[in-house]
């Protein structure tokens, strides 16, 4: 997430989504690829569920 009134840092590119922070975070949740190994994601999910 980057403020719309700021210059984009070198090496970054505009993705095109603009709006409220919650809307931008929802978009990120839809398109983000989680690069962590599946075994790690499953372990973290199980740990989070056990803690709640």
Foldseek 3Di string as FASTA:
>chain_A
DDDPVDDDDPPDDDPPDDDDPVVVVVVCVVPPDDPDDPVVVVVVVVVVVVVD
